[in-house]
PDB file of N, CA and C in Angstrom:
ATOM      1  N   MET A   1     -28.617 -16.828   6.645  1.00  0.00           N
ATOM      2  CA  MET A   1     -27.306 -16.689   7.130  1.00  0.00           C
ATOM      3  C   MET A   1     -26.896 -15.102   6.995  1.00  0.00           C
ATOM      4  N   SER A   2     -26.290 -14.483   8.072  1.00  0.00           N
ATOM      5  CA  SER A   2     -25.951 -13.179   8.103  1.00  0.00           C
ATOM      6  C   SER A   2     -24.698 -12.995   7.210  1.00  0.00           C
ATOM      7  N   SER A   3     -24.343 -11.840   6.874  1.00  0.00           N
ATOM      8  CA  SER A   3     -23.195 -11.504   6.008  1.00  0.00           C
ATOM      9  C   SER A   3     -21.906 -11.897   6.813  1.00  0.00           C
ATOM     10  N   PHE A   4     -21.944 -11.934   8.173  1.00  0.00           N
ATOM     11  CA  PHE A   4     -20.819 -12.384   8.953  1.00  0.00           C
ATOM     12  C   PHE A   4     -20.653 -13.888   8.766  1.00  0.00           C
ATOM     13  N   GLY A   5     -21.771 -14.634   8.831  1.00  0.00           N
ATOM     14  CA  GLY A   5     -21.810 -16.017   8.686  1.00  0.00           C
ATOM     15  C   GLY A   5     -21.405 -16.452   7.160  1.00  0.00           C
ATOM     16  N   LYS A   6     -21.911 -15.685   6.310  1.00  0.00           N
ATOM     17  CA  LYS A   6     -21.538 -15.929   4.866  1.00  0.00           C
ATOM     18  C   LYS A   6     -20.044 -15.674   4.656  1.00  0.00           C
ATOM     19  N   ARG A   7     -19.446 -14.843   5.296  1.00  0.00           N
ATOM     20  CA  ARG A   7     -18.024 -14.611   5.084  1.00  0.00           C
ATOM     21  C   ARG A   7     -17.155 -15.798   5.736  1.00  0.00           C
ATOM     22  N   ILE A   8     -17.698 -16.137   6.932  1.00  0.00           N
ATOM     23  CA  ILE A   8     -17.035 -17.408   7.611  1.00  0.00           C
ATOM     24  C   ILE A   8     -17.158 -18.644   6.631  1.00  0.00           C
ATOM     25  N   ASN A   9     -18.403 -18.842   6.172  1.00  0.00           N
ATOM     26  CA  ASN A   9     -18.598 -19.928   5.253  1.00  0.00           C
ATOM     27  C   ASN A   9     -17.809 -19.824   4.001  1.00  0.00           C
ATOM     28  N   SER A  10     -17.696 -18.698   3.329  1.00  0.00           N
ATOM     29  CA  SER A  10     -16.822 -18.418   2.207  1.00  0.00           C
ATOM     30  C   SER A  10     -15.345 -18.801   2.427  1.00  0.00           C
ATOM     31  N   VAL A  11     -14.832 -18.505   3.643  1.00  0.00           N
ATOM     32  CA  VAL A  11     -13.452 -18.815   3.932  1.00  0.00           C
ATOM     33  C   VAL A  11     -13.260 -20.227   4.207  1.00  0.00           C
ATOM     34  N   MET A  12     -14.272 -20.852   4.919  1.00  0.00           N
ATOM     35  CA  MET A  12     -14.187 -22.202   5.248  1.00  0.00           C
ATOM     36  C   MET A  12     -14.175 -22.995   3.890  1.00  0.00           C
ATOM     37  N   LEU A  13     -14.955 -22.692   2.886  1.00  0.00           N
ATOM     38  CA  LEU A  13     -15.034 -23.441   1.524  1.00  0.00           C
ATOM     39  C   LEU A  13     -13.649 -23.178   0.896  1.00  0.00           C
ATOM     40  N   ARG A  14     -13.051 -21.970   0.926  1.00  0.00           N
ATOM     41  CA  ARG A  14     -11.747 -21.804   0.360  1.00  0.00           C
ATOM     42  C   ARG A  14     -10.662 -22.583   1.028  1.00  0.00           C
ATOM     43  N   ARG A  15     -10.830 -22.872   2.255  1.00  0.00           N
ATOM     44  CA  ARG A  15      -9.835 -23.567   3.072  1.00  0.00           C
ATOM     45  C   ARG A  15     -10.115 -25.151   3.023  1.00  0.00           C
ATOM     46  N   GLY A  16     -11.173 -25.440   2.499  1.00  0.00           N
ATOM     47  CA  GLY A  16     -11.639 -26.838   2.418  1.00  0.00           C
ATOM     48  C   GLY A  16     -12.017 -27.419   3.811  1.00  0.00           C
ATOM     49  N   MET A  17     -12.486 -26.453   4.640  1.00  0.00           N
ATOM     50  CA  MET A  17     -12.980 -26.960   5.985  1.00  0.00           C
ATOM     51  C   MET A  17     -14.446 -27.106   6.074  1.00  0.00           C
ATOM     52  N   THR A  18     -14.759 -28.099   6.918  1.00  0.00           N
ATOM     53  CA  THR A  18     -16.162 -28.353   7.263  1.00  0.00           C
ATOM     54  C   THR A  18     -16.513 -27.597   8.632  1.00  0.00           C
ATOM     55  N   GLN A  19     -17.865 -27.459   8.825  1.00  0.00           N
ATOM     56  CA  GLN A  19     -18.291 -26.911  10.030  1.00  0.00           C
ATOM     57  C   GLN A  19     -17.738 -27.684  11.241  1.00  0.00           C
ATOM     58  N   LYS A  20     -17.742 -28.903  11.097  1.00  0.00           N
ATOM     59  CA  LYS A  20     -17.227 -29.867  12.063  1.00  0.00           C
ATOM     60  C   LYS A  20     -15.787 -29.624  12.381  1.00  0.00           C
ATOM     61  N   SER A  21     -14.954 -29.516  11.317  1.00  0.00           N
ATOM     62  CA  SER A  21     -13.584 -29.395  11.538  1.00  0.00           C
ATOM     63  C   SER A  21     -13.289 -27.952  12.195  1.00  0.00           C
ATOM     64  N   LEU A  22     -14.012 -26.932  11.772  1.00  0.00           N
ATOM     65  CA  LEU A  22     -13.821 -25.627  12.402  1.00  0.00           C
ATOM     66  C   LEU A  22     -14.226 -25.616  13.815  1.00  0.00           C
ATOM     67  N   ALA A  23     -15.411 -26.237  14.154  1.00  0.00           N
ATOM     68  CA  ALA A  23     -15.873 -26.279  15.386  1.00  0.00           C
ATOM     69  C   ALA A  23     -14.848 -26.945  16.287  1.00  0.00           C
ATOM     70  N   SER A  24     -14.223 -27.994  15.787  1.00  0.00           N
ATOM     71  CA  SER A  24     -13.162 -28.726  16.549  1.00  0.00           C
ATOM     72  C   SER A  24     -11.949 -27.893  16.889  1.00  0.00           C
ATOM     73  N   LYS A  25     -11.515 -27.162  15.755  1.00  0.00           N
ATOM     74  CA  LYS A  25     -10.457 -26.202  15.963  1.00  0.00           C
ATOM     75  C   LYS A  25     -10.779 -25.033  16.973  1.00  0.00           C
ATOM     76  N   LEU A  26     -12.015 -24.652  17.083  1.00  0.00           N
ATOM     77  CA  LEU A  26     -12.368 -23.638  17.987  1.00  0.00           C
ATOM     78  C   LEU A  26     -12.763 -24.183  19.364  1.00  0.00           C
ATOM     79  N   LYS A  27     -12.741 -25.436  19.475  1.00  0.00           N
ATOM     80  CA  LYS A  27     -13.170 -26.200  20.650  1.00  0.00           C
ATOM     81  C   LYS A  27     -14.491 -25.738  21.149  1.00  0.00           C
ATOM     82  N   ILE A  28     -15.460 -25.736  20.213  1.00  0.00           N
ATOM     83  CA  ILE A  28     -16.841 -25.470  20.531  1.00  0.00           C
ATOM     84  C   ILE A  28     -17.603 -26.545  19.752  1.00  0.00           C
ATOM     85  N   SER A  29     -18.962 -26.607  20.123  1.00  0.00           N
ATOM     86  CA  SER A  29     -19.782 -27.630  19.546  1.00  0.00           C
ATOM     87  C   SER A  29     -20.184 -27.179  18.126  1.00  0.00           C
ATOM     88  N   GLU A  30     -20.578 -28.062  17.282  1.00  0.00           N
ATOM     89  CA  GLU A  30     -21.099 -27.625  15.947  1.00  0.00           C
ATOM     90  C   GLU A  30     -22.325 -26.749  16.056  1.00  0.00           C
ATOM     91  N   GLN A  31     -23.130 -26.989  17.133  1.00  0.00           N
ATOM     92  CA  GLN A  31     -24.295 -26.219  17.413  1.00  0.00           C
ATOM     93  C   GLN A  31     -23.936 -24.796  17.698  1.00  0.00           C
ATOM     94  N   GLN A  32     -22.909 -24.639  18.557  1.00  0.00           N
ATOM     95  CA  GLN A  32     -22.436 -23.262  18.801  1.00  0.00           C
ATOM     96  C   GLN A  32     -21.953 -22.586  17.590  1.00  0.00           C
ATOM     97  N   LEU A  33     -21.186 -23.278  16.795  1.00  0.00           N
ATOM     98  CA  LEU A  33     -20.670 -22.647  15.456  1.00  0.00           C
ATOM     99  C   LEU A  33     -21.916 -22.365  14.595  1.00  0.00           C
ATOM    100  N   HIS A  34     -22.888 -23.192  14.553  1.00  0.00           N
ATOM    101  CA  HIS A  34     -24.080 -22.966  13.699  1.00  0.00           C
ATOM    102  C   HIS A  34     -24.762 -21.575  14.274  1.00  0.00           C
ATOM    103  N   SER A  35     -24.670 -21.342  15.517  1.00  0.00           N
ATOM    104  CA  SER A  35     -25.317 -20.108  16.053  1.00  0.00           C
ATOM    105  C   SER A  35     -24.532 -18.808  15.686  1.00  0.00           C
ATOM    106  N   VAL A  36     -23.129 -19.057  15.568  1.00  0.00           N
ATOM    107  CA  VAL A  36     -22.366 -17.948  15.129  1.00  0.00           C
ATOM    108  C   VAL A  36     -22.545 -17.663  13.643  1.00  0.00           C
ATOM    109  N   LEU A  37     -22.756 -18.782  12.824  1.00  0.00           N
ATOM    110  CA  LEU A  37     -22.859 -18.633  11.444  1.00  0.00           C
ATOM    111  C   LEU A  37     -24.199 -17.923  11.192  1.00  0.00           C
ATOM    112  N   LYS A  38     -25.208 -18.232  12.053  1.00  0.00           N
ATOM    113  CA  LYS A  38     -26.571 -17.475  11.892  1.00  0.00           C
ATOM    114  C   LYS A  38     -26.739 -16.162  12.534  1.00  0.00           C
ATOM    115  N   ASP A  39     -25.542 -15.605  13.055  1.00  0.00           N
ATOM    116  CA  ASP A  39     -25.520 -14.319  13.698  1.00  0.00           C
ATOM    117  C   ASP A  39     -26.243 -14.245  14.989  1.00  0.00           C
ATOM    118  N   LYS A  40     -26.459 -15.363  15.718  1.00  0.00           N
ATOM    119  CA  LYS A  40     -27.194 -15.523  16.826  1.00  0.00           C
ATOM    120  C   LYS A  40     -26.257 -15.459  18.039  1.00  0.00           C
ATOM    121  N   SER A  41     -25.006 -15.726  17.777  1.00  0.00           N
ATOM    122  CA  SER A  41     -24.053 -15.793  18.875  1.00  0.00           C
ATOM    123  C   SER A  41     -22.650 -15.433  18.441  1.00  0.00           C
ATOM    124  N   LEU A  42     -22.027 -14.559  19.119  1.00  0.00           N
ATOM    125  CA  LEU A  42     -20.532 -14.267  19.038  1.00  0.00           C
ATOM    126  C   LEU A  42     -20.144 -13.740  20.334  1.00  0.00           C
ATOM    127  N   SER A  43     -20.243 -14.551  21.194  1.00  0.00           N
ATOM    128  CA  SER A  43     -20.172 -14.181  22.697  1.00  0.00           C
ATOM    129  C   SER A  43     -19.093 -13.300  23.088  1.00  0.00           C
ATOM    130  N   THR A  44     -17.800 -13.461  22.546  1.00  0.00           N
ATOM    131  CA  THR A  44     -16.768 -12.649  22.920  1.00  0.00           C
ATOM    132  C   THR A  44     -15.750 -12.247  21.761  1.00  0.00           C
ATOM    133  N   ILE A  45     -15.017 -11.289  21.937  1.00  0.00           N
ATOM    134  CA  ILE A  45     -14.014 -10.904  20.974  1.00  0.00           C
ATOM    135  C   ILE A  45     -12.989 -12.036  20.838  1.00  0.00           C
ATOM    136  N   ASP A  46     -12.826 -12.758  21.923  1.00  0.00           N
ATOM    137  CA  ASP A  46     -11.989 -13.955  21.928  1.00  0.00           C
ATOM    138  C   ASP A  46     -12.403 -14.923  20.713  1.00  0.00           C
ATOM    139  N   THR A  47     -13.725 -15.095  20.663  1.00  0.00           N
ATOM    140  CA  THR A  47     -14.277 -16.101  19.625  1.00  0.00           C
ATOM    141  C   THR A  47     -13.869 -15.605  18.254  1.00  0.00           C
ATOM    142  N   LEU A  48     -14.013 -14.213  18.035  1.00  0.00           N
ATOM    143  CA  LEU A  48     -13.690 -13.702  16.883  1.00  0.00           C
ATOM    144  C   LEU A  48     -12.154 -13.802  16.429  1.00  0.00           C
ATOM    145  N   ARG A  49     -11.400 -13.541  17.527  1.00  0.00           N
ATOM    146  CA  ARG A  49      -9.919 -13.844  17.255  1.00  0.00           C
ATOM    147  C   ARG A  49      -9.564 -15.271  17.010  1.00  0.00           C
ATOM    148  N   GLU A  50     -10.251 -16.225  17.613  1.00  0.00           N
ATOM    149  CA  GLU A  50     -10.081 -17.652  17.482  1.00  0.00           C
ATOM    150  C   GLU A  50     -10.520 -17.943  16.047  1.00  0.00           C
ATOM    151  N   LEU A  51     -11.636 -17.486  15.629  1.00  0.00           N
ATOM    152  CA  LEU A  51     -12.045 -17.720  14.234  1.00  0.00           C
ATOM    153  C   LEU A  51     -11.041 -17.242  13.184  1.00  0.00           C
ATOM    154  N   SER A  52     -10.438 -16.090  13.552  1.00  0.00           N
ATOM    155  CA  SER A  52      -9.508 -15.441  12.632  1.00  0.00           C
ATOM    156  C   SER A  52      -8.244 -16.307  12.466  1.00  0.00           C
ATOM    157  N   VAL A  53      -7.860 -16.783  13.666  1.00  0.00           N
ATOM    158  CA  VAL A  53      -6.679 -17.592  13.686  1.00  0.00           C
ATOM    159  C   VAL A  53      -6.944 -19.033  13.001  1.00  0.00           C
ATOM    160  N   ALA A  54      -8.080 -19.652  13.372  1.00  0.00           N
ATOM    161  CA  ALA A  54      -8.385 -20.967  12.812  1.00  0.00           C
ATOM    162  C   ALA A  54      -8.686 -20.966  11.227  1.00  0.00           C
ATOM    163  N   LEU A  55      -9.101 -19.737  10.750  1.00  0.00           N
ATOM    164  CA  LEU A  55      -9.313 -19.570   9.405  1.00  0.00           C
ATOM    165  C   LEU A  55      -8.164 -18.838   8.656  1.00  0.00           C
ATOM    166  N   ASP A  56      -7.184 -18.417   9.388  1.00  0.00           N
ATOM    167  CA  ASP A  56      -6.064 -17.658   8.872  1.00  0.00           C
ATOM    168  C   ASP A  56      -6.488 -16.469   7.897  1.00  0.00           C
ATOM    169  N   THR A  57      -7.375 -15.721   8.610  1.00  0.00           N
ATOM    170  CA  THR A  57      -8.016 -14.577   7.943  1.00  0.00           C
ATOM    171  C   THR A  57      -8.044 -13.443   8.949  1.00  0.00           C
ATOM    172  N   PRO A  58      -7.796 -12.237   8.519  1.00  0.00           N
ATOM    173  CA  PRO A  58      -7.808 -11.124   9.485  1.00  0.00           C
ATOM    174  C   PRO A  58      -9.312 -10.899  10.043  1.00  0.00           C
ATOM    175  N   THR A  59      -9.377 -10.456  11.176  1.00  0.00           N
ATOM    176  CA  THR A  59     -10.694 -10.241  11.806  1.00  0.00           C
ATOM    177  C   THR A  59     -11.387  -9.163  10.984  1.00  0.00           C
ATOM    178  N   ASP A  60     -10.727  -8.168  10.473  1.00  0.00           N
ATOM    179  CA  ASP A  60     -11.359  -7.108   9.649  1.00  0.00           C
ATOM    180  C   ASP A  60     -12.154  -7.683   8.554  1.00  0.00           C
ATOM    181  N   TYR A  61     -11.905  -8.759   7.965  1.00  0.00           N
ATOM    182  CA  TYR A  61     -12.596  -9.441   6.904  1.00  0.00           C
ATOM    183  C   TYR A  61     -13.981  -9.835   7.372  1.00  0.00           C
ATOM    184  N   PHE A  62     -14.119 -10.274   8.578  1.00  0.00           N
ATOM    185  CA  PHE A  62     -15.350 -10.708   9.100  1.00  0.00           C
ATOM    186  C   PHE A  62     -16.198  -9.536   9.576  1.00  0.00           C
ATOM    187  N   LEU A  63     -15.639  -8.477   9.933  1.00  0.00           N
ATOM    188  CA  LEU A  63     -16.418  -7.304  10.423  1.00  0.00           C
ATOM    189  C   LEU A  63     -16.737  -6.273   9.577  1.00  0.00           C
ATOM    190  N   GLN A  64     -16.219  -6.271   8.403  1.00  0.00           N
ATOM    191  CA  GLN A  64     -16.422  -5.107   7.604  1.00  0.00           C
ATOM    192  C   GLN A  64     -17.852  -4.663   7.097  1.00  0.00           C
ATOM    193  N   ASP A  65     -18.763  -5.568   7.275  1.00  0.00           N
ATOM    194  CA  ASP A  65     -20.157  -5.228   6.896  1.00  0.00           C
ATOM    195  C   ASP A  65     -20.847  -4.706   8.061  1.00  0.00           C
ATOM    196  N   PHE A  66     -20.320  -4.680   9.282  1.00  0.00           N
ATOM    197  CA  PHE A  66     -21.141  -4.175  10.381  1.00  0.00           C
ATOM    198  C   PHE A  66     -21.250  -2.568  10.320  1.00  0.00           C
ATOM    199  N   ASP A  67     -20.310  -2.082   9.729  1.00  0.00           N
ATOM    200  CA  ASP A  67     -20.409  -0.588   9.600  1.00  0.00           C
ATOM    201  C   ASP A  67     -19.703  -0.103   8.369  1.00  0.00           C
ATOM    202  N   LYS A  68     -20.381   0.814   7.533  1.00  0.00           N
ATOM    203  CA  LYS A  68     -19.828   1.017   6.308  1.00  0.00           C
ATOM    204  C   LYS A  68     -18.480   1.752   6.356  1.00  0.00           C
ATOM    205  N   LYS A  69     -18.211   2.335   7.470  1.00  0.00           N
ATOM    206  CA  LYS A  69     -16.879   2.966   7.732  1.00  0.00           C
ATOM    207  C   LYS A  69     -15.783   2.070   8.333  1.00  0.00           C
ATOM    208  N   PHE A  70     -16.251   0.850   8.644  1.00  0.00           N
ATOM    209  CA  PHE A  70     -15.325  -0.037   9.310  1.00  0.00           C
ATOM    210  C   PHE A  70     -13.860  -0.173   8.580  1.00  0.00           C
ATOM    211  N   LEU A  71     -13.947  -0.234   7.192  1.00  0.00           N
ATOM    212  CA  LEU A  71     -12.740  -0.553   6.475  1.00  0.00           C
ATOM    213  C   LEU A  71     -11.843   0.693   6.691  1.00  0.00           C
ATOM    214  N   ILE A  72     -12.455   1.841   6.579  1.00  0.00           N
ATOM    215  CA  ILE A  72     -11.663   3.027   6.884  1.00  0.00           C
ATOM    216  C   ILE A  72     -10.955   3.032   8.239  1.00  0.00           C
ATOM    217  N   TYR A  73     -11.599   2.594   9.250  1.00  0.00           N
ATOM    218  CA  TYR A  73     -10.959   2.512  10.558  1.00  0.00           C
ATOM    219  C   TYR A  73      -9.983   1.535  10.591  1.00  0.00           C
ATOM    220  N   ALA A  74     -10.174   0.488   9.923  1.00  0.00           N
ATOM    221  CA  ALA A  74      -9.153  -0.734   9.989  1.00  0.00           C
ATOM    222  C   ALA A  74      -8.043  -0.265   9.142  1.00  0.00           C
ATOM    223  N   ILE A  75      -8.248   0.377   8.017  1.00  0.00           N
ATOM    224  CA  ILE A  75      -7.068   0.817   7.298  1.00  0.00           C
ATOM    225  C   ILE A  75      -6.248   1.843   7.928  1.00  0.00           C
ATOM    226  N   ASP A  76      -6.991   2.750   8.615  1.00  0.00           N
ATOM    227  CA  ASP A  76      -6.330   3.756   9.373  1.00  0.00           C
ATOM    228  C   ASP A  76      -5.458   3.152  10.497  1.00  0.00           C
ATOM    229  N   ASP A  77      -5.987   2.083  11.193  1.00  0.00           N
ATOM    230  CA  ASP A  77      -5.141   1.398  12.107  1.00  0.00           C
ATOM    231  C   ASP A  77      -3.938   0.847  11.519  1.00  0.00           C
ATOM    232  N   TYR A  78      -3.983   0.144  10.484  1.00  0.00           N
ATOM    233  CA  TYR A  78      -2.799  -0.420   9.770  1.00  0.00           C
ATOM    234  C   TYR A  78      -1.784   0.807   9.294  1.00  0.00           C
ATOM    235  N   LEU A  79      -2.392   1.807   8.811  1.00  0.00           N
ATOM    236  CA  LEU A  79      -1.559   2.840   8.304  1.00  0.00           C
ATOM    237  C   LEU A  79      -0.816   3.658   9.529  1.00  0.00           C
ATOM    238  N   SER A  80      -1.420   3.525  10.598  1.00  0.00           N
ATOM    239  CA  SER A  80      -0.850   4.156  11.805  1.00  0.00           C
ATOM    240  C   SER A  80       0.617   3.640  12.053  1.00  0.00           C
ATOM    241  N   GLN A  81       0.974   2.586  11.479  1.00  0.00           N
ATOM    242  CA  GLN A  81       2.231   2.049  11.723  1.00  0.00           C
ATOM    243  C   GLN A  81       3.244   2.625  10.620  1.00  0.00           C
ATOM    244  N   ILE A  82       2.804   3.530   9.735  1.00  0.00           N
ATOM    245  CA  ILE A  82       3.672   4.197   8.828  1.00  0.00           C
ATOM    246  C   ILE A  82       3.651   5.697   8.918  1.00  0.00           C
ATOM    247  N   GLU A  83       4.451   6.366   8.203  1.00  0.00           N
ATOM    248  CA  GLU A  83       4.413   7.800   8.289  1.00  0.00           C
ATOM    249  C   GLU A  83       3.075   8.391   8.388  1.00  0.00           C
ATOM    250  N   ARG A  84       2.719   9.103   9.443  1.00  0.00           N
ATOM    251  CA  ARG A  84       1.431   9.666   9.716  1.00  0.00           C
ATOM    252  C   ARG A  84       0.913  10.551   8.599  1.00  0.00           C
ATOM    253  N   ASN A  85       1.706  11.405   8.097  1.00  0.00           N
ATOM    254  CA  ASN A  85       1.255  12.401   7.008  1.00  0.00           C
ATOM    255  C   ASN A  85       0.782  11.524   5.832  1.00  0.00           C
ATOM    256  N   ASP A  86       1.517  10.593   5.370  1.00  0.00           N
ATOM    257  CA  ASP A  86       1.181   9.781   4.275  1.00  0.00           C
ATOM    258  C   ASP A  86      -0.078   8.966   4.567  1.00  0.00           C
ATOM    259  N   ALA A  87      -0.130   8.451   5.802  1.00  0.00           N
ATOM    260  CA  ALA A  87      -1.315   7.743   6.198  1.00  0.00           C
ATOM    261  C   ALA A  87      -2.580   8.627   6.075  1.00  0.00           C
ATOM    262  N   GLN A  88      -2.533   9.925   6.552  1.00  0.00           N
ATOM    263  CA  GLN A  88      -3.625  10.728   6.557  1.00  0.00           C
ATOM    264  C   GLN A  88      -4.185  11.046   5.250  1.00  0.00           C
ATOM    265  N   LYS A  89      -3.221  11.288   4.244  1.00  0.00           N
ATOM    266  CA  LYS A  89      -3.601  11.478   2.860  1.00  0.00           C
ATOM    267  C   LYS A  89      -4.356  10.292   2.318  1.00  0.00           C
ATOM    268  N   ILE A  90      -3.891   9.169   2.607  1.00  0.00           N
ATOM    269  CA  ILE A  90      -4.550   7.866   2.025  1.00  0.00           C
ATOM    270  C   ILE A  90      -5.945   7.856   2.593  1.00  0.00           C
ATOM    271  N   ILE A  91      -6.100   8.062   3.858  1.00  0.00           N
ATOM    272  CA  ILE A  91      -7.364   8.027   4.543  1.00  0.00           C
ATOM    273  C   ILE A  91      -8.317   8.964   3.908  1.00  0.00           C
ATOM    274  N   GLU A  92      -7.937  10.269   3.685  1.00  0.00           N
ATOM    275  CA  GLU A  92      -8.747  11.264   3.131  1.00  0.00           C
ATOM    276  C   GLU A  92      -9.207  10.828   1.715  1.00  0.00           C
ATOM    277  N   ASN A  93      -8.230  10.220   0.967  1.00  0.00           N
ATOM    278  CA  ASN A  93      -8.685   9.699  -0.364  1.00  0.00           C
ATOM    279  C   ASN A  93      -9.694   8.641  -0.282  1.00  0.00           C
ATOM    280  N   LEU A  94      -9.467   7.679   0.600  1.00  0.00           N
ATOM    281  CA  LEU A  94     -10.423   6.570   0.678  1.00  0.00           C
ATOM    282  C   LEU A  94     -11.745   7.138   1.215  1.00  0.00           C
ATOM    283  N   SER A  95     -11.785   8.101   2.113  1.00  0.00           N
ATOM    284  CA  SER A  95     -13.063   8.708   2.618  1.00  0.00           C
ATOM    285  C   SER A  95     -13.782   9.331   1.410  1.00  0.00           C
ATOM    286  N   ALA A  96     -13.070  10.047   0.486  1.00  0.00           N
ATOM    287  CA  ALA A  96     -13.689  10.675  -0.569  1.00  0.00           C
ATOM    288  C   ALA A  96     -14.227   9.585  -1.616  1.00  0.00           C
ATOM    289  N   ILE A  97     -13.614   8.493  -1.671  1.00  0.00           N
ATOM    290  CA  ILE A  97     -14.085   7.390  -2.610  1.00  0.00           C
ATOM    291  C   ILE A  97     -15.319   6.949  -2.101  1.00  0.00           C
ATOM    292  N   ILE A  98     -15.581   6.687  -0.861  1.00  0.00           N
ATOM    293  CA  ILE A  98     -16.773   6.063  -0.341  1.00  0.00           C
ATOM    294  C   ILE A  98     -17.831   7.119   0.027  1.00  0.00           C
ATOM    295  N   GLY A  99     -17.515   8.246  -0.202  1.00  0.00           N
ATOM    296  CA  GLY A  99     -18.550   9.439  -0.104  1.00  0.00           C
ATOM    297  C   GLY A  99     -18.595   9.891   1.319  1.00  0.00           C
ATOM    298  N   ASP A 100     -17.624   9.718   2.173  1.00  0.00           N
ATOM    299  CA  ASP A 100     -17.768  10.230   3.533  1.00  0.00           C
ATOM    300  C   ASP A 100     -16.986  11.475   3.677  1.00  0.00           C
ATOM    301  N   LYS A 101     -17.549  12.724   3.297  1.00  0.00           N
ATOM    302  CA  LYS A 101     -16.867  13.929   3.392  1.00  0.00           C
ATOM    303  C   LYS A 101     -16.970  14.667   4.668  1.00  0.00           C
ATOM    304  N   ASP A 102     -17.692  14.014   5.728  1.00  0.00           N
ATOM    305  CA  ASP A 102     -17.920  14.728   6.996  1.00  0.00           C
ATOM    306  C   ASP A 102     -16.702  14.594   7.790  1.00  0.00           C
ATOM    307  N   GLU A 103     -15.817  13.718   7.566  1.00  0.00           N
ATOM    308  CA  GLU A 103     -14.667  13.491   8.438  1.00  0.00           C
ATOM    309  C   GLU A 103     -13.502  13.977   8.080  1.00  0.00           C
TER     310      GLU A 103
END
C-alpha cells in the first residue's frame, strides 16, 4: 500500500469506517477504492476532494508525501489569508527547519 493509501486507511480506522462504507460514500465500487488505496488510481482531483469530504480530513494530509516541500506550499497557501509579512517570516522559518535554504 502506498503512503497515500496508508493515510486513507489510517483516517478510515480513526473514523471507524470500512472500505465498503467509504466506497459507498464516494459512490464508487470497492474495487475502485482498492485501486486508490494501492495508488493505482486517483483519476481526478474531484476524487481527492470527495475523499477529503467523506473522511472529514484536509486534502493536504493525503498529499503531503508526494513532495517534501508540499507542506510548505500548503502552509503558504493557508498563511496567504493572513498578514503577508508575518506569513513570509513563518515560511522562511519552516524552510530553514526542513533544510530548504534555496528558496
